[in-house]
Amino acid sequence: MGCDEAILLSDRAFAGSDTLATSYVLAQAIRKIGNYDLVICGKQAFDGDTAQVGPGIAEHLGIPQATYAVDAQINGKKLQVKRWMRK
């Protein structure tokens, strides 16, 4: 298993973007690529530490999201995700 393809989005227009702009640009790129079943994002960036880009992408694409996933199981055509919950 490995990466078959990678896409780099780079433009001076992205410089200084907040989480809303970043999630919008990434969502538009995902939409343009099309034919996706799952979008995986990291927990959060080290600079802003906001954890808002992944959920923002989901909102822009109109797809469900699961944050802080610690386990995932495929059940037929469904993905069941277990979230980390603070106790």
PDB file of N, CA and C in Angstrom:
ATOM      1  N   MET A   1       0.836  -1.169   0.000  1.00  0.00           N
ATOM      2  CA  MET A   1       0.000   0.000   0.000  1.00  0.00           C
ATOM      3  C   MET A   1       0.882   1.232   0.000  1.00  0.00           C
ATOM      4  N   GLY A   2       0.431   2.211  -0.724  1.00  0.00           N
ATOM      5  CA  GLY A   2       1.162   3.467  -0.778  1.00  0.00           C
ATOM      6  C   GLY A   2       0.372   4.482  -1.565  1.00  0.00           C
ATOM      7  N   CYS A   3       0.936   5.610  -1.701  1.00  0.00           N
ATOM      8  CA  CYS A   3       0.287   6.684  -2.433  1.00  0.00           C
ATOM      9  C   CYS A   3       0.477   6.473  -3.930  1.00  0.00           C
ATOM     10  N   ASP A   4      -0.591   6.514  -4.674  1.00  0.00           N
ATOM     11  CA  ASP A   4      -0.527   6.388  -6.129  1.00  0.00           C
ATOM     12  C   ASP A   4      -0.384   7.740  -6.806  1.00  0.00           C
ATOM     13  N   GLU A   5      -0.847   8.775  -6.138  1.00  0.00           N
ATOM     14  CA  GLU A   5      -0.852  10.103  -6.750  1.00  0.00           C
ATOM     15  C   GLU A   5      -0.896  11.161  -5.655  1.00  0.00           C
ATOM     16  N   ALA A   6      -0.277  12.278  -5.905  1.00  0.00           N
ATOM     17  CA  ALA A   6      -0.321  13.405  -4.971  1.00  0.00           C
ATOM     18  C   ALA A   6      -0.575  14.681  -5.761  1.00  0.00           C
ATOM     19  N   ILE A   7      -1.270  15.621  -5.144  1.00  0.00           N
ATOM     20  CA  ILE A   7      -1.571  16.896  -5.783  1.00  0.00           C
ATOM     21  C   ILE A   7      -1.168  18.001  -4.814  1.00  0.00           C
ATOM     22  N   LEU A   8      -0.373  18.934  -5.297  1.00  0.00           N
ATOM     23  CA  LEU A   8       0.061  20.068  -4.487  1.00  0.00           C
ATOM     24  C   LEU A   8      -0.703  21.305  -4.936  1.00  0.00           C
ATOM     25  N   LEU A   9      -1.354  21.960  -3.994  1.00  0.00           N
ATOM     26  CA  LEU A   9      -2.024  23.226  -4.273  1.00  0.00           C
ATOM     27  C   LEU A   9      -1.114  24.334  -3.766  1.00  0.00           C
ATOM     28  N   SER A  10      -0.671  25.168  -4.648  1.00  0.00           N
ATOM     29  CA  SER A  10       0.255  26.220  -4.259  1.00  0.00           C
ATOM     30  C   SER A  10      -0.005  27.462  -5.104  1.00  0.00           C
ATOM     31  N   ASP A  11      -0.212  28.573  -4.438  1.00  0.00           N
ATOM     32  CA  ASP A  11      -0.439  29.834  -5.125  1.00  0.00           C
ATOM     33  C   ASP A  11      -0.204  30.946  -4.114  1.00  0.00           C
ATOM     34  N   ARG A  12       0.391  32.034  -4.539  1.00  0.00           N
ATOM     35  CA  ARG A  12       0.606  33.163  -3.630  1.00  0.00           C
ATOM     36  C   ARG A  12      -0.702  33.698  -3.075  1.00  0.00           C
ATOM     37  N   ALA A  13      -1.795  33.471  -3.790  1.00  0.00           N
ATOM     38  CA  ALA A  13      -3.108  33.937  -3.324  1.00  0.00           C
ATOM     39  C   ALA A  13      -3.527  33.232  -2.033  1.00  0.00           C
ATOM     40  N   PHE A  14      -2.948  32.060  -1.734  1.00  0.00           N
ATOM     41  CA  PHE A  14      -3.297  31.324  -0.522  1.00  0.00           C
ATOM     42  C   PHE A  14      -2.553  31.838   0.703  1.00  0.00           C
ATOM     43  N   ALA A  15      -1.535  32.647   0.506  1.00  0.00           N
ATOM     44  CA  ALA A  15      -0.704  33.111   1.623  1.00  0.00           C
ATOM     45  C   ALA A  15      -1.543  33.835   2.672  1.00  0.00           C
ATOM     46  N   GLY A  16      -1.360  33.460   3.904  1.00  0.00           N
ATOM     47  CA  GLY A  16      -2.075  34.115   4.994  1.00  0.00           C
ATOM     48  C   GLY A  16      -3.537  33.735   5.115  1.00  0.00           C
ATOM     49  N   SER A  17      -3.964  32.695   4.421  1.00  0.00           N
ATOM     50  CA  SER A  17      -5.367  32.290   4.482  1.00  0.00           C
ATOM     51  C   SER A  17      -5.754  31.818   5.877  1.00  0.00           C
ATOM     52  N   ASP A  18      -6.973  32.162   6.282  1.00  0.00           N
ATOM     53  CA  ASP A  18      -7.491  31.640   7.541  1.00  0.00           C
ATOM     54  C   ASP A  18      -8.083  30.252   7.294  1.00  0.00           C
ATOM     55  N   THR A  19      -8.640  29.642   8.324  1.00  0.00           N
ATOM     56  CA  THR A  19      -9.154  28.276   8.186  1.00  0.00           C
ATOM     57  C   THR A  19     -10.344  28.202   7.228  1.00  0.00           C
ATOM     58  N   LEU A  20     -11.153  29.236   7.173  1.00  0.00           N
ATOM     59  CA  LEU A  20     -12.296  29.243   6.261  1.00  0.00           C
ATOM     60  C   LEU A  20     -11.818  29.231   4.810  1.00  0.00           C
ATOM     61  N   ALA A  21     -10.862  30.090   4.478  1.00  0.00           N
ATOM     62  CA  ALA A  21     -10.341  30.139   3.110  1.00  0.00           C
ATOM     63  C   ALA A  21      -9.600  28.855   2.758  1.00  0.00           C
ATOM     64  N   THR A  22      -8.820  28.334   3.696  1.00  0.00           N
ATOM     65  CA  THR A  22      -8.071  27.102   3.449  1.00  0.00           C
ATOM     66  C   THR A  22      -9.018  25.940   3.186  1.00  0.00           C
ATOM     67  N   SER A  23     -10.040  25.790   4.003  1.00  0.00           N
ATOM     68  CA  SER A  23     -10.987  24.692   3.811  1.00  0.00           C
ATOM     69  C   SER A  23     -11.758  24.853   2.507  1.00  0.00           C
ATOM     70  N   TYR A  24     -12.058  26.086   2.133  1.00  0.00           N
ATOM     71  CA  TYR A  24     -12.762  26.333   0.872  1.00  0.00           C
ATOM     72  C   TYR A  24     -11.898  25.922  -0.327  1.00  0.00           C
ATOM     73  N   VAL A  25     -10.638  26.334  -0.326  1.00  0.00           N
ATOM     74  CA  VAL A  25      -9.735  25.997  -1.436  1.00  0.00           C
ATOM     75  C   VAL A  25      -9.569  24.486  -1.543  1.00  0.00           C
ATOM     76  N   LEU A  26      -9.343  23.821  -0.413  1.00  0.00           N
ATOM     77  CA  LEU A  26      -9.175  22.370  -0.433  1.00  0.00           C
ATOM     78  C   LEU A  26     -10.453  21.664  -0.889  1.00  0.00           C
ATOM     79  N   ALA A  27     -11.611  22.132  -0.428  1.00  0.00           N
ATOM     80  CA  ALA A  27     -12.887  21.531  -0.851  1.00  0.00           C
ATOM     81  C   ALA A  27     -13.101  21.692  -2.353  1.00  0.00           C
ATOM     82  N   GLN A  28     -12.758  22.857  -2.887  1.00  0.00           N
ATOM     83  CA  GLN A  28     -12.919  23.069  -4.334  1.00  0.00           C
ATOM     84  C   GLN A  28     -11.985  22.160  -5.118  1.00  0.00           C
ATOM     85  N   ALA A  29     -10.777  21.941  -4.621  1.00  0.00           N
ATOM     86  CA  ALA A  29      -9.848  21.031  -5.289  1.00  0.00           C
ATOM     87  C   ALA A  29     -10.382  19.600  -5.252  1.00  0.00           C
ATOM     88  N   ILE A  30     -10.894  19.184  -4.101  1.00  0.00           N
ATOM     89  CA  ILE A  30     -11.470  17.835  -3.975  1.00  0.00           C
ATOM     90  C   ILE A  30     -12.664  17.688  -4.907  1.00  0.00           C
ATOM     91  N   ARG A  31     -13.505  18.706  -4.955  1.00  0.00           N
ATOM     92  CA  ARG A  31     -14.679  18.678  -5.839  1.00  0.00           C
ATOM     93  C   ARG A  31     -14.241  18.571  -7.310  1.00  0.00           C
ATOM     94  N   LYS A  32     -13.204  19.309  -7.688  1.00  0.00           N
ATOM     95  CA  LYS A  32     -12.725  19.282  -9.067  1.00  0.00           C
ATOM     96  C   LYS A  32     -12.142  17.914  -9.427  1.00  0.00           C
ATOM     97  N   ILE A  33     -11.390  17.321  -8.492  1.00  0.00           N
ATOM     98  CA  ILE A  33     -10.844  15.980  -8.722  1.00  0.00           C
ATOM     99  C   ILE A  33     -11.981  14.984  -8.861  1.00  0.00           C
ATOM    100  N   GLY A  34     -12.977  15.099  -8.001  1.00  0.00           N
ATOM    101  CA  GLY A  34     -14.182  14.275  -8.064  1.00  0.00           C
ATOM    102  C   GLY A  34     -13.948  12.819  -7.712  1.00  0.00           C
ATOM    103  N   ASN A  35     -15.019  12.066  -7.722  1.00  0.00           N
ATOM    104  CA  ASN A  35     -15.001  10.618  -7.516  1.00  0.00           C
ATOM    105  C   ASN A  35     -14.241  10.232  -6.242  1.00  0.00           C
ATOM    106  N   TYR A  36     -14.594  10.822  -5.124  1.00  0.00           N
ATOM    107  CA  TYR A  36     -13.958  10.485  -3.849  1.00  0.00           C
ATOM    108  C   TYR A  36     -14.964   9.741  -2.977  1.00  0.00           C
ATOM    109  N   ASP A  37     -14.459   8.832  -2.174  1.00  0.00           N
ATOM    110  CA  ASP A  37     -15.292   8.105  -1.228  1.00  0.00           C
ATOM    111  C   ASP A  37     -15.002   8.517   0.211  1.00  0.00           C
ATOM    112  N   LEU A  38     -13.772   8.973   0.442  1.00  0.00           N
ATOM    113  CA  LEU A  38     -13.351   9.285   1.794  1.00  0.00           C
ATOM    114  C   LEU A  38     -12.296  10.386   1.738  1.00  0.00           C
ATOM    115  N   VAL A  39     -12.419  11.356   2.607  1.00  0.00           N
ATOM    116  CA  VAL A  39     -11.429  12.422   2.727  1.00  0.00           C
ATOM    117  C   VAL A  39     -10.858  12.330   4.140  1.00  0.00           C
ATOM    118  N   ILE A  40      -9.549  12.169   4.244  1.00  0.00           N
ATOM    119  CA  ILE A  40      -8.904  12.063   5.550  1.00  0.00           C
ATOM    120  C   ILE A  40      -8.056  13.306   5.780  1.00  0.00           C
ATOM    121  N   CYS A  41      -8.252  13.933   6.915  1.00  0.00           N
ATOM    122  CA  CYS A  41      -7.489  15.130   7.282  1.00  0.00           C
ATOM    123  C   CYS A  41      -6.756  14.856   8.583  1.00  0.00           C
ATOM    124  N   GLY A  42      -5.704  15.598   8.810  1.00  0.00           N
ATOM    125  CA  GLY A  42      -4.983  15.504  10.071  1.00  0.00           C
ATOM    126  C   GLY A  42      -5.778  16.132  11.197  1.00  0.00           C
ATOM    127  N   LYS A  43      -5.287  15.949  12.405  1.00  0.00           N
ATOM    128  CA  LYS A  43      -5.984  16.470  13.581  1.00  0.00           C
ATOM    129  C   LYS A  43      -6.035  17.994  13.572  1.00  0.00           C
ATOM    130  N   GLN A  44      -4.863  18.615  13.425  1.00  0.00           N
ATOM    131  CA  GLN A  44      -4.814  20.073  13.419  1.00  0.00           C
ATOM    132  C   GLN A  44      -3.438  20.536  12.973  1.00  0.00           C
ATOM    133  N   ALA A  45      -3.365  21.769  12.575  1.00  0.00           N
ATOM    134  CA  ALA A  45      -2.086  22.338  12.152  1.00  0.00           C
ATOM    135  C   ALA A  45      -1.288  22.767  13.380  1.00  0.00           C
ATOM    136  N   PHE A  46       0.001  22.864  13.228  1.00  0.00           N
ATOM    137  CA  PHE A  46       0.827  23.267  14.359  1.00  0.00           C
ATOM    138  C   PHE A  46       0.892  24.780  14.533  1.00  0.00           C
ATOM    139  N   ASP A  47       0.490  25.525  13.505  1.00  0.00           N
ATOM    140  CA  ASP A  47       0.592  26.982  13.636  1.00  0.00           C
ATOM    141  C   ASP A  47      -0.625  27.586  14.334  1.00  0.00           C
ATOM    142  N   GLY A  48      -1.816  27.354  13.793  1.00  0.00           N
ATOM    143  CA  GLY A  48      -3.023  27.921  14.383  1.00  0.00           C
ATOM    144  C   GLY A  48      -3.636  27.039  15.446  1.00  0.00           C
ATOM    145  N   ASP A  49      -3.388  25.722  15.358  1.00  0.00           N
ATOM    146  CA  ASP A  49      -3.851  24.763  16.357  1.00  0.00           C
ATOM    147  C   ASP A  49      -5.371  24.812  16.552  1.00  0.00           C
ATOM    148  N   THR A  50      -6.120  25.060  15.454  1.00  0.00           N
ATOM    149  CA  THR A  50      -7.566  25.246  15.594  1.00  0.00           C
ATOM    150  C   THR A  50      -8.399  24.002  15.300  1.00  0.00           C
ATOM    151  N   ALA A  51      -7.886  23.065  14.511  1.00  0.00           N
ATOM    152  CA  ALA A  51      -8.618  21.849  14.139  1.00  0.00           C
ATOM    153  C   ALA A  51      -9.922  22.170  13.393  1.00  0.00           C
ATOM    154  N   GLN A  52      -9.931  23.241  12.596  1.00  0.00           N
ATOM    155  CA  GLN A  52     -11.143  23.658  11.894  1.00  0.00           C
ATOM    156  C   GLN A  52     -11.151  23.333  10.402  1.00  0.00           C
ATOM    157  N   VAL A  53     -10.006  23.037   9.796  1.00  0.00           N
ATOM    158  CA  VAL A  53      -9.957  22.849   8.348  1.00  0.00           C
ATOM    159  C   VAL A  53     -10.699  21.584   7.909  1.00  0.00           C
ATOM    160  N   GLY A  54     -10.473  20.457   8.569  1.00  0.00           N
ATOM    161  CA  GLY A  54     -11.167  19.213   8.208  1.00  0.00           C
ATOM    162  C   GLY A  54     -12.683  19.355   8.272  1.00  0.00           C
ATOM    163  N   PRO A  55     -13.227  19.817   9.403  1.00  0.00           N
ATOM    164  CA  PRO A  55     -14.665  20.039   9.472  1.00  0.00           C
ATOM    165  C   PRO A  55     -15.158  21.071   8.448  1.00  0.00           C
ATOM    166  N   GLY A  56     -14.333  22.087   8.160  1.00  0.00           N
ATOM    167  CA  GLY A  56     -14.709  23.083   7.147  1.00  0.00           C
ATOM    168  C   GLY A  56     -14.816  22.472   5.766  1.00  0.00           C
ATOM    169  N   ILE A  57     -13.882  21.574   5.434  1.00  0.00           N
ATOM    170  CA  ILE A  57     -13.937  20.875   4.144  1.00  0.00           C
ATOM    171  C   ILE A  57     -15.237  20.083   4.050  1.00  0.00           C
ATOM    172  N   ALA A  58     -15.562  19.345   5.105  1.00  0.00           N
ATOM    173  CA  ALA A  58     -16.804  18.559   5.112  1.00  0.00           C
ATOM    174  C   ALA A  58     -18.022  19.450   4.912  1.00  0.00           C
ATOM    175  N   GLU A  59     -18.033  20.594   5.574  1.00  0.00           N
ATOM    176  CA  GLU A  59     -19.159  21.532   5.433  1.00  0.00           C
ATOM    177  C   GLU A  59     -19.264  22.057   4.011  1.00  0.00           C
ATOM    178  N   HIS A  60     -18.156  22.456   3.419  1.00  0.00           N
ATOM    179  CA  HIS A  60     -18.174  22.966   2.043  1.00  0.00           C
ATOM    180  C   HIS A  60     -18.624  21.889   1.044  1.00  0.00           C
ATOM    181  N   LEU A  61     -18.253  20.637   1.302  1.00  0.00           N
ATOM    182  CA  LEU A  61     -18.626  19.547   0.391  1.00  0.00           C
ATOM    183  C   LEU A  61     -20.001  18.970   0.705  1.00  0.00           C
ATOM    184  N   GLY A  62     -20.559  19.325   1.850  1.00  0.00           N
ATOM    185  CA  GLY A  62     -21.866  18.790   2.241  1.00  0.00           C
ATOM    186  C   GLY A  62     -21.818  17.306   2.552  1.00  0.00           C
ATOM    187  N   ILE A  63     -20.716  16.861   3.183  1.00  0.00           N
ATOM    188  CA  ILE A  63     -20.556  15.446   3.516  1.00  0.00           C
ATOM    189  C   ILE A  63     -20.430  15.286   5.027  1.00  0.00           C
ATOM    190  N   PRO A  64     -20.742  14.081   5.545  1.00  0.00           N
ATOM    191  CA  PRO A  64     -20.595  13.851   6.980  1.00  0.00           C
ATOM    192  C   PRO A  64     -19.124  13.891   7.389  1.00  0.00           C
ATOM    193  N   GLN A  65     -18.912  14.102   8.675  1.00  0.00           N
ATOM    194  CA  GLN A  65     -17.550  14.115   9.197  1.00  0.00           C
ATOM    195  C   GLN A  65     -17.500  13.383  10.528  1.00  0.00           C
ATOM    196  N   ALA A  66     -16.328  12.873  10.845  1.00  0.00           N
ATOM    197  CA  ALA A  66     -16.064  12.290  12.156  1.00  0.00           C
ATOM    198  C   ALA A  66     -14.720  12.840  12.593  1.00  0.00           C
ATOM    199  N   THR A  67     -14.713  13.535  13.701  1.00  0.00           N
ATOM    200  CA  THR A  67     -13.465  14.107  14.203  1.00  0.00           C
ATOM    201  C   THR A  67     -12.904  13.234  15.318  1.00  0.00           C
ATOM    202  N   TYR A  68     -11.607  13.315  15.529  1.00  0.00           N
ATOM    203  CA  TYR A  68     -10.913  12.560  16.567  1.00  0.00           C
ATOM    204  C   TYR A  68     -11.174  11.056  16.459  1.00  0.00           C
ATOM    205  N   ALA A  69     -11.109  10.538  15.244  1.00  0.00           N
ATOM    206  CA  ALA A  69     -11.323   9.106  15.016  1.00  0.00           C
ATOM    207  C   ALA A  69     -10.167   8.296  15.574  1.00  0.00           C
ATOM    208  N   VAL A  70     -10.495   7.236  16.296  1.00  0.00           N
ATOM    209  CA  VAL A  70      -9.464   6.347  16.837  1.00  0.00           C
ATOM    210  C   VAL A  70      -9.562   4.940  16.262  1.00  0.00           C
ATOM    211  N   ASP A  71     -10.673   4.641  15.584  1.00  0.00           N
ATOM    212  CA  ASP A  71     -10.857   3.329  14.971  1.00  0.00           C
ATOM    213  C   ASP A  71     -11.918   3.450  13.890  1.00  0.00           C
ATOM    214  N   ALA A  72     -11.799   2.624  12.882  1.00  0.00           N
ATOM    215  CA  ALA A  72     -12.794   2.606  11.802  1.00  0.00           C
ATOM    216  C   ALA A  72     -12.989   1.175  11.328  1.00  0.00           C
ATOM    217  N   GLN A  73     -14.227   0.829  11.064  1.00  0.00           N
ATOM    218  CA  GLN A  73     -14.587  -0.500  10.574  1.00  0.00           C
ATOM    219  C   GLN A  73     -15.483  -0.348   9.356  1.00  0.00           C
ATOM    220  N   ILE A  74     -15.222  -1.142   8.346  1.00  0.00           N
ATOM    221  CA  ILE A  74     -16.088  -1.145   7.165  1.00  0.00           C
ATOM    222  C   ILE A  74     -17.113  -2.250   7.352  1.00  0.00           C
ATOM    223  N   ASN A  75     -18.379  -1.877   7.273  1.00  0.00           N
ATOM    224  CA  ASN A  75     -19.498  -2.813   7.390  1.00  0.00           C
ATOM    225  C   ASN A  75     -20.317  -2.730   6.112  1.00  0.00           C
ATOM    226  N   GLY A  76     -20.016  -3.594   5.148  1.00  0.00           N
ATOM    227  CA  GLY A  76     -20.689  -3.531   3.849  1.00  0.00           C
ATOM    228  C   GLY A  76     -20.294  -2.267   3.127  1.00  0.00           C
ATOM    229  N   LYS A  77     -21.262  -1.402   2.886  1.00  0.00           N
ATOM    230  CA  LYS A  77     -20.989  -0.130   2.226  1.00  0.00           C
ATOM    231  C   LYS A  77     -20.941   1.029   3.216  1.00  0.00           C
ATOM    232  N   LYS A  78     -20.923   0.705   4.506  1.00  0.00           N
ATOM    233  CA  LYS A  78     -20.893   1.745   5.533  1.00  0.00           C
ATOM    234  C   LYS A  78     -19.565   1.732   6.269  1.00  0.00           C
ATOM    235  N   LEU A  79     -19.158   2.918   6.696  1.00  0.00           N
ATOM    236  CA  LEU A  79     -17.957   3.077   7.506  1.00  0.00           C
ATOM    237  C   LEU A  79     -18.394   3.487   8.898  1.00  0.00           C
ATOM    238  N   GLN A  80     -18.031   2.694   9.884  1.00  0.00           N
ATOM    239  CA  GLN A  80     -18.368   3.010  11.270  1.00  0.00           C
ATOM    240  C   GLN A  80     -17.092   3.515  11.937  1.00  0.00           C
ATOM    241  N   VAL A  81     -17.162   4.700  12.526  1.00  0.00           N
ATOM    242  CA  VAL A  81     -15.996   5.339  13.122  1.00  0.00           C
ATOM    243  C   VAL A  81     -16.190   5.475  14.627  1.00  0.00           C
ATOM    244  N   LYS A  82     -15.156   5.103  15.375  1.00  0.00           N
ATOM    245  CA  LYS A  82     -15.163   5.299  16.821  1.00  0.00           C
ATOM    246  C   LYS A  82     -14.365   6.553  17.119  1.00  0.00           C
ATOM    247  N   ARG A  83     -14.951   7.459  17.881  1.00  0.00           N
ATOM    248  CA  ARG A  83     -14.308   8.726  18.239  1.00  0.00           C
ATOM    249  C   ARG A  83     -13.678   8.635  19.621  1.00  0.00           C
ATOM    250  N   TRP A  84     -12.560   9.374  19.773  1.00  0.00           N
ATOM    251  CA  TRP A  84     -11.965   9.535  21.079  1.00  0.00           C
ATOM    252  C   TRP A  84     -12.832  10.509  21.858  1.00  0.00           C
ATOM    253  N   MET A  85     -13.167  10.144  23.063  1.00  0.00           N
ATOM    254  CA  MET A  85     -13.984  11.016  23.898  1.00  0.00           C
ATOM    255  C   MET A  85     -13.233  11.274  25.194  1.00  0.00           C
ATOM    256  N   ARG A  86     -13.120  12.520  25.559  1.00  0.00           N
ATOM    257  CA  ARG A  86     -12.478  12.893  26.821  1.00  0.00           C
ATOM    258  C   ARG A  86     -13.371  12.458  27.978  1.00  0.00           C
ATOM    259  N   LYS A  87     -12.768  11.891  28.980  1.00  0.00           N
ATOM    260  CA  LYS A  87     -13.546  11.432  30.154  1.00  0.00           C
ATOM    261  C   LYS A  87     -13.407  12.386  31.294  1.00  0.00           C
TER     262      LYS A  87
END
